[in-house]
Structure formats: structure tokens, C-alpha cells
C-alpha atoms as a PDB file:
ATOM      1  CA  UNK A   1      10.290 -26.472  -8.646  1.00  0.00           C
ATOM      2  CA  UNK A   2       6.887 -24.646  -7.860  1.00  0.00           C
ATOM      3  CA  UNK A   3       4.598 -24.717 -10.792  1.00  0.00           C
ATOM      4  CA  UNK A   4       2.262 -22.364 -12.139  1.00  0.00           C
ATOM      5  CA  UNK A   5      -0.892 -24.481 -12.387  1.00  0.00           C
ATOM      6  CA  UNK A   6      -3.908 -24.151  -9.619  1.00  0.00           C
ATOM      7  CA  UNK A   7      -1.672 -24.999  -6.802  1.00  0.00           C
ATOM      8  CA  UNK A   8      -4.875 -26.591  -4.819  1.00  0.00           C
ATOM      9  CA  UNK A   9      -6.548 -28.311  -7.498  1.00  0.00           C
ATOM     10  CA  UNK A  10      -7.070 -31.889  -6.630  1.00  0.00           C
ATOM     11  CA  UNK A  11      -5.832 -31.474  -2.842  1.00  0.00           C
ATOM     12  CA  UNK A  12      -8.899 -31.612  -0.853  1.00  0.00           C
ATOM     13  CA  UNK A  13      -7.571 -30.939   2.434  1.00  0.00           C
ATOM     14  CA  UNK A  14      -5.637 -27.718   1.043  1.00  0.00           C
ATOM     15  CA  UNK A  15      -9.104 -26.570  -0.357  1.00  0.00           C
ATOM     16  CA  UNK A  16     -10.836 -26.952   2.658  1.00  0.00           C
ATOM     17  CA  UNK A  17      -7.986 -25.377   4.981  1.00  0.00           C
ATOM     18  CA  UNK A  18      -7.625 -22.524   2.594  1.00  0.00           C
ATOM     19  CA  UNK A  19     -11.273 -21.954   2.623  1.00  0.00           C
ATOM     20  CA  UNK A  20     -11.361 -21.879   6.461  1.00  0.00           C
ATOM     21  CA  UNK A  21      -8.442 -19.418   6.574  1.00  0.00           C
ATOM     22  CA  UNK A  22     -10.165 -17.115   4.258  1.00  0.00           C
ATOM     23  CA  UNK A  23     -13.392 -17.221   6.581  1.00  0.00           C
ATOM     24  CA  UNK A  24     -11.196 -16.368   9.424  1.00  0.00           C
ATOM     25  CA  UNK A  25      -9.620 -13.570   7.723  1.00  0.00           C
ATOM     26  CA  UNK A  26     -13.087 -12.073   6.655  1.00  0.00           C
ATOM     27  CA  UNK A  27     -14.218 -12.438  10.217  1.00  0.00           C
ATOM     28  CA  UNK A  28     -11.192 -10.170  11.393  1.00  0.00           C
ATOM     29  CA  UNK A  29     -12.658  -7.798   8.490  1.00  0.00           C
ATOM     30  CA  UNK A  30      -9.072  -7.831   6.841  1.00  0.00           C
ATOM     31  CA  UNK A  31      -9.446  -5.879   3.107  1.00  0.00           C
ATOM     32  CA  UNK A  32     -10.264  -8.244  -0.278  1.00  0.00           C
ATOM     33  CA  UNK A  33      -6.722  -7.374  -0.997  1.00  0.00           C
ATOM     34  CA  UNK A  34      -4.915  -8.482   2.131  1.00  0.00           C
ATOM     35  CA  UNK A  35      -7.042 -11.827   1.860  1.00  0.00           C
ATOM     36  CA  UNK A  36      -5.911 -12.234  -1.668  1.00  0.00           C
ATOM     37  CA  UNK A  37      -2.196 -11.950  -0.547  1.00  0.00           C
ATOM     38  CA  UNK A  38      -2.610 -14.324   2.173  1.00  0.00           C
ATOM     39  CA  UNK A  39      -4.194 -16.785  -0.121  1.00  0.00           C
ATOM     40  CA  UNK A  40      -1.703 -16.434  -2.934  1.00  0.00           C
ATOM     41  CA  UNK A  41       1.341 -17.014  -0.418  1.00  0.00           C
ATOM     42  CA  UNK A  42      -0.399 -19.986   1.488  1.00  0.00           C
ATOM     43  CA  UNK A  43      -1.276 -21.391  -2.418  1.00  0.00           C
ATOM     44  CA  UNK A  44       2.398 -21.431  -3.096  1.00  0.00           C
ATOM     45  CA  UNK A  45       3.095 -23.138   0.274  1.00  0.00           C
ATOM     46  CA  UNK A  46       0.055 -25.637  -1.068  1.00  0.00           C
ATOM     47  CA  UNK A  47       1.867 -26.284  -4.145  1.00  0.00           C
ATOM     48  CA  UNK A  48       5.005 -27.238  -2.759  1.00  0.00           C
ATOM     49  CA  UNK A  49       3.479 -29.892  -0.204  1.00  0.00           C
ATOM     50  CA  UNK A  50       1.061 -31.348  -2.857  1.00  0.00           C
ATOM     51  CA  UNK A  51       3.703 -31.779  -5.418  1.00  0.00           C
ATOM     52  CA  UNK A  52       7.062 -32.065  -3.892  1.00  0.00           C
ATOM     53  CA  UNK A  53       5.791 -33.928  -1.031  1.00  0.00           C
ATOM     54  CA  UNK A  54       2.373 -35.059  -1.101  1.00  0.00           C
ATOM     55  CA  UNK A  55       1.546 -33.489   2.415  1.00  0.00           C
ATOM     56  CA  UNK A  56      -1.458 -32.040   3.498  1.00  0.00           C
ATOM     57  CA  UNK A  57      -1.739 -28.699   6.007  1.00  0.00           C
ATOM     58  CA  UNK A  58      -1.413 -30.361   8.999  1.00  0.00           C
ATOM     59  CA  UNK A  59       1.240 -32.778   8.339  1.00  0.00           C
ATOM     60  CA  UNK A  60       4.090 -29.998   7.372  1.00  0.00           C
ATOM     61  CA  UNK A  61       6.724 -29.705  10.104  1.00  0.00           C
ATOM     62  CA  UNK A  62       9.551 -27.144  10.567  1.00  0.00           C
ATOM     63  CA  UNK A  63      11.832 -28.973   8.012  1.00  0.00           C
ATOM     64  CA  UNK A  64       9.335 -29.033   5.323  1.00  0.00           C
ATOM     65  CA  UNK A  65       8.800 -25.324   5.949  1.00  0.00           C
ATOM     66  CA  UNK A  66      12.287 -24.809   5.504  1.00  0.00           C
ATOM     67  CA  UNK A  67      12.782 -26.741   2.206  1.00  0.00           C
ATOM     68  CA  UNK A  68       9.713 -24.599   1.135  1.00  0.00           C
ATOM     69  CA  UNK A  69      11.588 -21.386   1.833  1.00  0.00           C
ATOM     70  CA  UNK A  70      14.469 -22.877  -0.028  1.00  0.00           C
ATOM     71  CA  UNK A  71      12.729 -23.661  -2.962  1.00  0.00           C
ATOM     72  CA  UNK A  72      11.201 -20.383  -2.997  1.00  0.00           C
ATOM     73  CA  UNK A  73      14.805 -18.846  -3.169  1.00  0.00           C
ATOM     74  CA  UNK A  74      15.823 -21.144  -5.831  1.00  0.00           C
ATOM     75  CA  UNK A  75      13.066 -20.019  -7.753  1.00  0.00           C
ATOM     76  CA  UNK A  76      14.149 -16.429  -7.746  1.00  0.00           C
ATOM     77  CA  UNK A  77      12.107 -15.067  -4.908  1.00  0.00           C
ATOM     78  CA  UNK A  78      14.084 -12.140  -3.110  1.00  0.00           C
ATOM     79  CA  UNK A  79      14.496 -12.279   0.410  1.00  0.00           C
ATOM     80  CA  UNK A  80      11.605  -9.976   1.405  1.00  0.00           C
ATOM     81  CA  UNK A  81       9.139 -12.157  -0.479  1.00  0.00           C
ATOM     82  CA  UNK A  82      10.407 -15.449   1.084  1.00  0.00           C
ATOM     83  CA  UNK A  83       9.937 -13.558   4.520  1.00  0.00           C
ATOM     84  CA  UNK A  84       6.552 -12.410   3.749  1.00  0.00           C
ATOM     85  CA  UNK A  85       5.346 -16.088   2.471  1.00  0.00           C
ATOM     86  CA  UNK A  86       6.849 -17.261   5.661  1.00  0.00           C
ATOM     87  CA  UNK A  87       5.025 -14.688   7.648  1.00  0.00           C
ATOM     88  CA  UNK A  88       1.602 -15.764   5.852  1.00  0.00           C
ATOM     89  CA  UNK A  89       2.386 -19.516   6.649  1.00  0.00           C
ATOM     90  CA  UNK A  90       2.843 -18.474  10.265  1.00  0.00           C
ATOM     91  CA  UNK A  91      -0.484 -16.775  10.255  1.00  0.00           C
ATOM     92  CA  UNK A  92      -2.061 -19.733   8.702  1.00  0.00           C
ATOM     93  CA  UNK A  93      -0.877 -22.252  11.047  1.00  0.00           C
ATOM     94  CA  UNK A  94      -1.827 -20.204  14.111  1.00  0.00           C
ATOM     95  CA  UNK A  95      -5.102 -20.204  12.565  1.00  0.00           C
ATOM     96  CA  UNK A  96      -5.084 -24.222  12.507  1.00  0.00           C
ATOM     97  CA  UNK A  97      -3.722 -24.043  15.869  1.00  0.00           C
ATOM     98  CA  UNK A  98      -6.634 -22.046  17.620  1.00  0.00           C
ATOM     99  CA  UNK A  99      -9.021 -24.390  15.664  1.00  0.00           C
ATOM    100  CA  UNK A 100      -7.467 -27.416  17.584  1.00  0.00           C
ATOM    101  CA  UNK A 101      -6.216 -29.070  14.074  1.00  0.00           C
ATOM    102  CA  UNK A 102      -2.423 -29.026  14.933  1.00  0.00           C
ATOM    103  CA  UNK A 103      -0.601 -29.000  18.528  1.00  0.00           C
ATOM    104  CA  UNK A 104       2.016 -26.711  17.650  1.00  0.00           C
ATOM    105  CA  UNK A 105       2.780 -23.806  14.879  1.00  0.00           C
ATOM    106  CA  UNK A 106       5.519 -25.469  12.756  1.00  0.00           C
ATOM    107  CA  UNK A 107       6.506 -21.886  11.170  1.00  0.00           C
ATOM    108  CA  UNK A 108       7.423 -20.509  14.701  1.00  0.00           C
ATOM    109  CA  UNK A 109      10.519 -22.292  14.457  1.00  0.00           C
ATOM    110  CA  UNK A 110      11.505 -21.351  11.210  1.00  0.00           C
ATOM    111  CA  UNK A 111      13.573 -18.332  10.512  1.00  0.00           C
ATOM    112  CA  UNK A 112      13.048 -15.817   7.857  1.00  0.00           C
ATOM    113  CA  UNK A 113      16.020 -14.664   5.721  1.00  0.00           C
ATOM    114  CA  UNK A 114      17.364 -11.396   6.756  1.00  0.00           C
ATOM    115  CA  UNK A 115      16.002  -8.473   4.468  1.00  0.00           C
ATOM    116  CA  UNK A 116      18.495  -6.500   2.493  1.00  0.00           C
ATOM    117  CA  UNK A 117      18.833  -2.681   4.374  1.00  0.00           C
ATOM    118  CA  UNK A 118      16.177  -0.586   2.597  1.00  0.00           C
ATOM    119  CA  UNK A 119      16.198   3.195   2.644  1.00  0.00           C
ATOM    120  CA  UNK A 120      13.282   4.641   0.856  1.00  0.00           C
ATOM    121  CA  UNK A 121      13.820   7.367  -1.845  1.00  0.00           C
ATOM    122  CA  UNK A 122      13.133  10.772  -0.306  1.00  0.00           C
ATOM    123  CA  UNK A 123      12.275  13.931  -2.427  1.00  0.00           C
ATOM    124  CA  UNK A 124      13.949  17.250  -1.330  1.00  0.00           C
ATOM    125  CA  UNK A 125      11.091  19.504  -0.078  1.00  0.00           C
ATOM    126  CA  UNK A 126      11.778  21.714  -3.091  1.00  0.00           C
ATOM    127  CA  UNK A 127      11.159  18.849  -5.272  1.00  0.00           C
ATOM    128  CA  UNK A 128       7.846  18.117  -3.681  1.00  0.00           C
ATOM    129  CA  UNK A 129       6.966  21.517  -3.916  1.00  0.00           C
ATOM    130  CA  UNK A 130       7.971  21.890  -7.566  1.00  0.00           C
ATOM    131  CA  UNK A 131       6.026  18.772  -8.497  1.00  0.00           C
ATOM    132  CA  UNK A 132       2.899  19.787  -6.819  1.00  0.00           C
ATOM    133  CA  UNK A 133       3.344  23.361  -8.069  1.00  0.00           C
ATOM    134  CA  UNK A 134       3.818  22.378 -11.460  1.00  0.00           C
ATOM    135  CA  UNK A 135       0.006  21.188 -11.646  1.00  0.00           C
ATOM    136  CA  UNK A 136      -1.586  23.948 -13.067  1.00  0.00           C
ATOM    137  CA  UNK A 137      -5.122  23.023 -11.712  1.00  0.00           C
ATOM    138  CA  UNK A 138      -7.458  24.525 -14.257  1.00  0.00           C
ATOM    139  CA  UNK A 139      -8.969  21.608 -15.977  1.00  0.00           C
ATOM    140  CA  UNK A 140     -11.219  19.117 -13.960  1.00  0.00           C
ATOM    141  CA  UNK A 141      -8.532  16.438 -14.195  1.00  0.00           C
ATOM    142  CA  UNK A 142      -5.635  18.971 -12.980  1.00  0.00           C
ATOM    143  CA  UNK A 143      -7.555  19.942 -10.312  1.00  0.00           C
ATOM    144  CA  UNK A 144      -8.149  16.304  -9.126  1.00  0.00           C
ATOM    145  CA  UNK A 145      -4.564  15.538  -9.618  1.00  0.00           C
ATOM    146  CA  UNK A 146      -3.289  18.374  -7.424  1.00  0.00           C
ATOM    147  CA  UNK A 147      -5.772  17.505  -4.695  1.00  0.00           C
ATOM    148  CA  UNK A 148      -5.127  13.778  -4.477  1.00  0.00           C
ATOM    149  CA  UNK A 149      -1.003  14.522  -4.771  1.00  0.00           C
ATOM    150  CA  UNK A 150      -1.477  17.234  -2.124  1.00  0.00           C
ATOM    151  CA  UNK A 151      -3.019  14.301   0.215  1.00  0.00           C
ATOM    152  CA  UNK A 152      -0.256  11.621  -0.888  1.00  0.00           C
ATOM    153  CA  UNK A 153       2.515  14.364   0.333  1.00  0.00           C
ATOM    154  CA  UNK A 154       0.772  16.786   2.712  1.00  0.00           C
ATOM    155  CA  UNK A 155      -0.965  13.813   4.847  1.00  0.00           C
ATOM    156  CA  UNK A 156       1.386  10.666   3.890  1.00  0.00           C
ATOM    157  CA  UNK A 157      -1.413   8.551   2.415  1.00  0.00           C
ATOM    158  CA  UNK A 158      -1.022   5.317   0.607  1.00  0.00           C
ATOM    159  CA  UNK A 159      -2.580   5.320  -2.801  1.00  0.00           C
ATOM    160  CA  UNK A 160      -5.014   2.579  -1.902  1.00  0.00           C
ATOM    161  CA  UNK A 161      -6.056   4.805   0.856  1.00  0.00           C
ATOM    162  CA  UNK A 162      -6.365   7.711  -1.393  1.00  0.00           C
ATOM    163  CA  UNK A 163      -8.717   5.837  -3.671  1.00  0.00           C
ATOM    164  CA  UNK A 164     -10.446   4.725  -0.705  1.00  0.00           C
ATOM    165  CA  UNK A 165     -11.608   7.851   0.589  1.00  0.00           C
ATOM    166  CA  UNK A 166     -15.218   8.949   0.612  1.00  0.00           C
ATOM    167  CA  UNK A 167     -16.645  12.289   0.530  1.00  0.00           C
ATOM    168  CA  UNK A 168     -17.682  11.720   4.388  1.00  0.00           C
ATOM    169  CA  UNK A 169     -13.951  11.206   4.944  1.00  0.00           C
ATOM    170  CA  UNK A 170     -13.405  14.977   5.153  1.00  0.00           C
ATOM    171  CA  UNK A 171     -14.138  16.857   8.329  1.00  0.00           C
ATOM    172  CA  UNK A 172     -14.147  20.537   6.782  1.00  0.00           C
ATOM    173  CA  UNK A 173     -14.434  22.220  10.175  1.00  0.00           C
ATOM    174  CA  UNK A 174     -11.438  20.764  11.479  1.00  0.00           C
ATOM    175  CA  UNK A 175      -9.689  20.287   8.437  1.00  0.00           C
ATOM    176  CA  UNK A 176      -8.986  16.761   8.980  1.00  0.00           C
ATOM    177  CA  UNK A 177      -9.242  13.447   7.184  1.00  0.00           C
ATOM    178  CA  UNK A 178     -10.412  10.219   8.345  1.00  0.00           C
ATOM    179  CA  UNK A 179      -8.290   7.486   6.734  1.00  0.00           C
ATOM    180  CA  UNK A 180      -9.187   3.829   6.471  1.00  0.00           C
ATOM    181  CA  UNK A 181      -5.520   2.058   6.589  1.00  0.00           C
ATOM    182  CA  UNK A 182      -4.153  -1.456   6.531  1.00  0.00           C
ATOM    183  CA  UNK A 183      -5.889  -3.950   9.002  1.00  0.00           C
ATOM    184  CA  UNK A 184      -8.967  -2.146   9.357  1.00  0.00           C
ATOM    185  CA  UNK A 185      -7.194   0.598  11.237  1.00  0.00           C
ATOM    186  CA  UNK A 186      -8.683   4.390  10.968  1.00  0.00           C
ATOM    187  CA  UNK A 187      -6.703   7.130  11.872  1.00  0.00           C
ATOM    188  CA  UNK A 188      -7.431  11.110  11.640  1.00  0.00           C
ATOM    189  CA  UNK A 189      -5.030  13.009   9.599  1.00  0.00           C
ATOM    190  CA  UNK A 190      -4.584  16.697   9.827  1.00  0.00           C
ATOM    191  CA  UNK A 191      -4.153  18.769   6.388  1.00  0.00           C
ATOM    192  CA  UNK A 192      -2.270  22.008   5.745  1.00  0.00           C
ATOM    193  CA  UNK A 193      -3.883  24.923   3.969  1.00  0.00           C
ATOM    194  CA  UNK A 194      -2.380  23.869   0.402  1.00  0.00           C
ATOM    195  CA  UNK A 195      -3.925  20.638   0.658  1.00  0.00           C
ATOM    196  CA  UNK A 196      -7.455  22.101   1.851  1.00  0.00           C
ATOM    197  CA  UNK A 197      -7.507  24.773  -0.805  1.00  0.00           C
ATOM    198  CA  UNK A 198      -6.745  22.118  -3.202  1.00  0.00           C
ATOM    199  CA  UNK A 199      -9.337  19.963  -2.139  1.00  0.00           C
ATOM    200  CA  UNK A 200     -11.821  22.853  -1.870  1.00  0.00           C
ATOM    201  CA  UNK A 201     -11.235  23.558  -5.628  1.00  0.00           C
ATOM    202  CA  UNK A 202     -11.535  20.092  -6.720  1.00  0.00           C
ATOM    203  CA  UNK A 203     -14.762  19.911  -4.965  1.00  0.00           C
ATOM    204  CA  UNK A 204     -15.980  23.153  -6.218  1.00  0.00           C
ATOM    205  CA  UNK A 205     -14.945  23.003  -9.887  1.00  0.00           C
ATOM    206  CA  UNK A 206     -13.735  19.599 -10.569  1.00  0.00           C
ATOM    207  CA  UNK A 207     -15.584  16.848  -9.137  1.00  0.00           C
ATOM    208  CA  UNK A 208     -18.938  17.747 -10.433  1.00  0.00           C
ATOM    209  CA  UNK A 209     -17.497  18.154 -13.914  1.00  0.00           C
ATOM    210  CA  UNK A 210     -16.030  14.826 -13.904  1.00  0.00           C
ATOM    211  CA  UNK A 211     -19.291  13.114 -12.876  1.00  0.00           C
ATOM    212  CA  UNK A 212     -21.195  14.534 -15.766  1.00  0.00           C
ATOM    213  CA  UNK A 213     -18.635  13.280 -18.303  1.00  0.00           C
ATOM    214  CA  UNK A 214     -18.397  10.113 -20.242  1.00  0.00           C
ATOM    215  CA  UNK A 215     -15.047   9.992 -22.085  1.00  0.00           C
ATOM    216  CA  UNK A 216     -11.832   8.606 -20.276  1.00  0.00           C
ATOM    217  CA  UNK A 217      -8.665  10.330 -20.202  1.00  0.00           C
ATOM    218  CA  UNK A 218      -5.463   8.685 -21.642  1.00  0.00           C
ATOM    219  CA  UNK A 219      -3.877   6.352 -19.112  1.00  0.00           C
ATOM    220  CA  UNK A 220      -7.350   5.561 -17.367  1.00  0.00           C
ATOM    221  CA  UNK A 221      -9.300   2.632 -18.190  1.00  0.00           C
ATOM    222  CA  UNK A 222     -12.869   3.019 -19.533  1.00  0.00           C
ATOM    223  CA  UNK A 223     -15.855   1.621 -17.449  1.00  0.00           C
ATOM    224  CA  UNK A 224     -17.708  -1.612 -18.584  1.00  0.00           C
ATOM    225  CA  UNK A 225     -19.331  -1.538 -21.744  1.00  0.00           C
ATOM    226  CA  UNK A 226     -23.246  -0.429 -21.309  1.00  0.00           C
ATOM    227  CA  UNK A 227     -22.766   0.612 -18.000  1.00  0.00           C
ATOM    228  CA  UNK A 228     -25.040   3.241 -16.752  1.00  0.00           C
ATOM    229  CA  UNK A 229     -23.778   6.972 -17.359  1.00  0.00           C
ATOM    230  CA  UNK A 230     -22.023   8.466 -14.203  1.00  0.00           C
ATOM    231  CA  UNK A 231     -24.208  11.341 -14.198  1.00  0.00           C
ATOM    232  CA  UNK A 232     -27.138   9.329 -13.751  1.00  0.00           C
ATOM    233  CA  UNK A 233     -25.756   7.310 -10.713  1.00  0.00           C
ATOM    234  CA  UNK A 234     -24.561   8.689  -7.385  1.00  0.00           C
ATOM    235  CA  UNK A 235     -20.706   8.098  -6.521  1.00  0.00           C
ATOM    236  CA  UNK A 236     -19.555   8.225  -3.183  1.00  0.00           C
ATOM    237  CA  UNK A 237     -15.967   8.334  -3.978  1.00  0.00           C
ATOM    238  CA  UNK A 238     -14.090  11.463  -3.191  1.00  0.00           C
ATOM    239  CA  UNK A 239     -11.729  11.207  -6.096  1.00  0.00           C
ATOM    240  CA  UNK A 240     -13.333  10.019  -9.660  1.00  0.00           C
ATOM    241  CA  UNK A 241     -12.122   9.266 -13.165  1.00  0.00           C
ATOM    242  CA  UNK A 242     -13.676  11.639 -16.134  1.00  0.00           C
ATOM    243  CA  UNK A 243     -15.849   8.508 -16.631  1.00  0.00           C
ATOM    244  CA  UNK A 244     -17.497   9.349 -12.976  1.00  0.00           C
ATOM    245  CA  UNK A 245     -16.056   5.878 -11.492  1.00  0.00           C
ATOM    246  CA  UNK A 246     -13.846   5.696  -8.438  1.00  0.00           C
ATOM    247  CA  UNK A 247     -10.062   5.697  -9.112  1.00  0.00           C
ATOM    248  CA  UNK A 248      -7.804   2.947  -8.897  1.00  0.00           C
ATOM    249  CA  UNK A 249      -4.284   2.932  -7.648  1.00  0.00           C
ATOM    250  CA  UNK A 250      -2.799   2.353 -10.896  1.00  0.00           C
ATOM    251  CA  UNK A 251      -4.919   5.241 -12.160  1.00  0.00           C
ATOM    252  CA  UNK A 252      -3.100   7.320  -9.152  1.00  0.00           C
ATOM    253  CA  UNK A 253       0.569   5.922 -10.368  1.00  0.00           C
ATOM    254  CA  UNK A 254      -0.032   6.526 -14.206  1.00  0.00           C
ATOM    255  CA  UNK A 255      -0.995  10.235 -13.371  1.00  0.00           C
ATOM    256  CA  UNK A 256       1.796  10.602 -10.812  1.00  0.00           C
ATOM    257  CA  UNK A 257       4.076   9.538 -13.841  1.00  0.00           C
ATOM    258  CA  UNK A 258       2.836  12.281 -16.036  1.00  0.00           C
ATOM    259  CA  UNK A 259       3.429  15.065 -13.496  1.00  0.00           C
ATOM    260  CA  UNK A 260       6.840  13.402 -12.669  1.00  0.00           C
ATOM    261  CA  UNK A 261       7.953  13.736 -16.261  1.00  0.00           C
ATOM    262  CA  UNK A 262       6.605  17.443 -16.618  1.00  0.00           C
ATOM    263  CA  UNK A 263       8.339  18.489 -13.407  1.00  0.00           C
ATOM    264  CA  UNK A 264      11.599  17.201 -14.908  1.00  0.00           C
ATOM    265  CA  UNK A 265      12.176  14.713 -11.835  1.00  0.00           C
ATOM    266  CA  UNK A 266      14.118  11.909 -12.018  1.00  0.00           C
ATOM    267  CA  UNK A 267      12.174   8.480 -12.807  1.00  0.00           C
ATOM    268  CA  UNK A 268      10.782   6.191  -9.764  1.00  0.00           C
ATOM    269  CA  UNK A 269       8.758   8.595  -8.091  1.00  0.00           C
ATOM    270  CA  UNK A 270       5.672   6.661  -6.513  1.00  0.00           C
ATOM    271  CA  UNK A 271       2.780   7.387  -4.024  1.00  0.00           C
ATOM    272  CA  UNK A 272       5.024   5.895  -1.583  1.00  0.00           C
ATOM    273  CA  UNK A 273       7.650   8.247  -2.455  1.00  0.00           C
ATOM    274  CA  UNK A 274       5.635  11.230  -1.537  1.00  0.00           C
ATOM    275  CA  UNK A 275       4.769   9.273   1.590  1.00  0.00           C
ATOM    276  CA  UNK A 276       8.167   8.724   2.604  1.00  0.00           C
ATOM    277  CA  UNK A 277       8.984  12.133   1.856  1.00  0.00           C
ATOM    278  CA  UNK A 278       6.024  13.183   3.895  1.00  0.00           C
ATOM    279  CA  UNK A 279       7.475  11.514   7.054  1.00  0.00           C
ATOM    280  CA  UNK A 280      11.250  12.296   6.318  1.00  0.00           C
ATOM    281  CA  UNK A 281      10.610  16.206   6.235  1.00  0.00           C
ATOM    282  CA  UNK A 282       8.269  15.887   9.593  1.00  0.00           C
ATOM    283  CA  UNK A 283      11.084  14.302  11.460  1.00  0.00           C
ATOM    284  CA  UNK A 284      13.813  16.836   9.946  1.00  0.00           C
ATOM    285  CA  UNK A 285      11.344  19.686  11.178  1.00  0.00           C
ATOM    286  CA  UNK A 286      11.344  18.343  14.513  1.00  0.00           C
ATOM    287  CA  UNK A 287       8.438  15.955  14.914  1.00  0.00           C
ATOM    288  CA  UNK A 288       8.922  12.895  17.360  1.00  0.00           C
ATOM    289  CA  UNK A 289       8.715   9.141  16.052  1.00  0.00           C
ATOM    290  CA  UNK A 290       5.480   8.413  17.823  1.00  0.00           C
ATOM    291  CA  UNK A 291       3.538  11.450  16.277  1.00  0.00           C
ATOM    292  CA  UNK A 292       4.804  10.230  12.774  1.00  0.00           C
ATOM    293  CA  UNK A 293       4.036   6.632  13.519  1.00  0.00           C
ATOM    294  CA  UNK A 294       0.232   7.837  14.217  1.00  0.00           C
ATOM    295  CA  UNK A 295       0.079   9.878  11.338  1.00  0.00           C
ATOM    296  CA  UNK A 296       1.448   7.058   8.870  1.00  0.00           C
ATOM    297  CA  UNK A 297      -0.763   4.717  10.740  1.00  0.00           C
ATOM    298  CA  UNK A 298       2.099   2.235  11.330  1.00  0.00           C
ATOM    299  CA  UNK A 299       1.111  -0.745  13.958  1.00  0.00           C
ATOM    300  CA  UNK A 300       4.750  -0.836  15.247  1.00  0.00           C
ATOM    301  CA  UNK A 301       7.312   1.898  15.925  1.00  0.00           C
ATOM    302  CA  UNK A 302       9.784  -0.204  14.252  1.00  0.00           C
ATOM    303  CA  UNK A 303       8.253   0.058  11.132  1.00  0.00           C
ATOM    304  CA  UNK A 304       8.595   4.109  11.536  1.00  0.00           C
ATOM    305  CA  UNK A 305      11.957   3.904  12.465  1.00  0.00           C
ATOM    306  CA  UNK A 306      13.162   3.444   9.080  1.00  0.00           C
ATOM    307  CA  UNK A 307      12.997   7.326   8.707  1.00  0.00           C
ATOM    308  CA  UNK A 308      15.739   7.583  11.607  1.00  0.00           C
ATOM    309  CA  UNK A 309      18.069   5.931   9.261  1.00  0.00           C
ATOM    310  CA  UNK A 310      17.537   8.007   6.275  1.00  0.00           C
ATOM    311  CA  UNK A 311      17.797  11.107   8.826  1.00  0.00           C
ATOM    312  CA  UNK A 312      20.970   9.757  10.117  1.00  0.00           C
ATOM    313  CA  UNK A 313      22.313   9.260   6.417  1.00  0.00           C
ATOM    314  CA  UNK A 314      21.442  13.230   5.668  1.00  0.00           C
ATOM    315  CA  UNK A 315      23.212  13.890   8.905  1.00  0.00           C
ATOM    316  CA  UNK A 316      26.221  12.260   7.794  1.00  0.00           C
ATOM    317  CA  UNK A 317      26.328  13.985   4.663  1.00  0.00           C
ATOM    318  CA  UNK A 318      26.127  17.127   6.222  1.00  0.00           C
ATOM    319  CA  UNK A 319      28.867  16.622   8.981  1.00  0.00           C
ATOM    320  CA  UNK A 320      31.225  15.208   6.131  1.00  0.00           C
ATOM    321  CA  UNK A 321      30.563  18.379   4.239  1.00  0.00           C
ATOM    322  CA  UNK A 322      30.913  21.194   6.865  1.00  0.00           C
ATOM    323  CA  UNK A 323      33.022  19.811   9.778  1.00  0.00           C
ATOM    324  CA  UNK A 324      36.808  20.531   9.560  1.00  0.00           C
ATOM    325  CA  UNK A 325      37.421  17.285  11.184  1.00  0.00           C
ATOM    326  CA  UNK A 326      35.489  15.174   9.209  1.00  0.00           C
END
């Protein structure tokens, strides 16, 4: 079993290896969130190696890593989580190999569990339009919410990408948004007229009002006690809370949940649902996969190909309903 205590406490070999790994990830300009995820996964490996086997990072082989994967499964981790932790181990050992600390990457000889087939939830175009049109865009918060959800659906942005946007991310003349995606990859995303109108209304009447306020809305956390008033400091974030701070991804999810309920949509609508709907509706409208890959910021076309399965399901349904020989 893998315990919950500090996994590298009292294990100097793992502490040194993890510190070096984190420095290497920093040198690759990976985000703090990504580095934390890698660190957490390798700490789980350190817990297993130290407690169950009393081995340092350079002493693990393929057999020990297979036992690690089995322990994760028996501990309740899903196939996707086990696969992710093994992928992190592969990256970690690649780092040790590059440093000359090991002769071969043991994780290369360990197969990841086959993941369950996953088809993302997709809204109908009428549902997505109904959700957005339901936001009145009258108060500063409504103006903000309408603009950021238009970006989520109209531009296919992840929640993290939305909250990371700066004022300088907008190219008003070309009606495009520069997005900083995963792995430090940046891309330029065009935005349609409804999205730009929503952004202009938010910038003209919403953002300034929010920067001048101090209270928070229900569902948004207040700033730290004694913090400098928002109106007295310069905030570069595009989307801000009523307290004038940059939004978090949890803020985006909470606000989306509010509007989902008001639009009477079934539960389970997340920012990623809007992103999936963006890609699926592009495919249904005739866009090619390479273009969708570029718009989504996927590093590999294989990641984008999930939408062909979504479209295939829709076509099968249409066939079964409409064709006389179905």
C-alpha cells in the first residue's frame, strides 16, 4: 500500500533526484501547475520505492515499475491515472538518462494500461447558444461572464488559458486572441463577431467597474486580508473578480455552473464541455482536423482525432434514423 505521508521524507536520494528533475522542468519553461503534477506523480513512485522496496531512483528496473503500477491499481487509481503516473516516470527517467545517472530508461519497457474509450460530452449548437444568450450582460459580472464563456465556446479555450489571458493578449485590429497553452505553446485564435462584441462590452463597461470594487460575489473567494485595494494597483489580467484580482479556474467553473442551471441544461457542463463543443461543431461544419488541431493547441493530431469518433457517433445515429435499410 502507498501511504499519504511525505513520500520523500528521510530519503535523500529521492529528494536530490526530485530537486534536479524540478530544475530541469523549470529550464524547459513548464508551468508551475505542470511541474507540480510531475512532482506529485514521482513522489508516489518514491513512496512505493522507499517503503515497499527500500530502493533509490537509480535502482528501479522494469519489474519494480510494473509492481508500482499494480499497487496503484489495487489502491484505486483509474487506468488513466496509472497511465499518467507511468508517463511521468518515463519523463523522470529520461531526465536521469540524459544526466548519465542510469544506462537505460526502465519505464520504456513498461506498458501503460489501455485506457477506457472516452467520448467527451458535447452540447448541441442550440444548447450552447441558449446558454450564452441566457446571460443578460447588464451588470459588470454578467458582462464578464458572457465574454469569458464566449471565449470558451467561440475560441475553444481551456479554463486555465482563459484566466491566464492578459489585456495584451487581444489583437483588436485582426480580431484574434493570443493564447498561452500547455507546454508553453502559444497560438493565435480568431474570434467571431459575438465574441468580440461581448469582449468590447466587458472592457467598456464591466472591467473598469470590477477594478473599482472591493466586495466579492457569492462563489468567489475574497482577496487576502489587508490586501491593497484593487483600484490602487494595476491589474494586467483580462478577466478579474469583483475584488479586482485575476480569476481562478475554480471561479470560472462556479460561474459556468450558475449559468448552466439558469439555462436549464443538464448537469456536467464544464469549461471543457464548451471546448469539446467548439471542436465538434467545427468538424460538423466542414473544418479539417489539422485546422482544429491548431485552433485547440494540441501537440499531436491523435489527440484531436477523438472528435472524429464523436462525429462518427452522430452520423451513425442519423443513418439509423433516416435510412430505409438501416
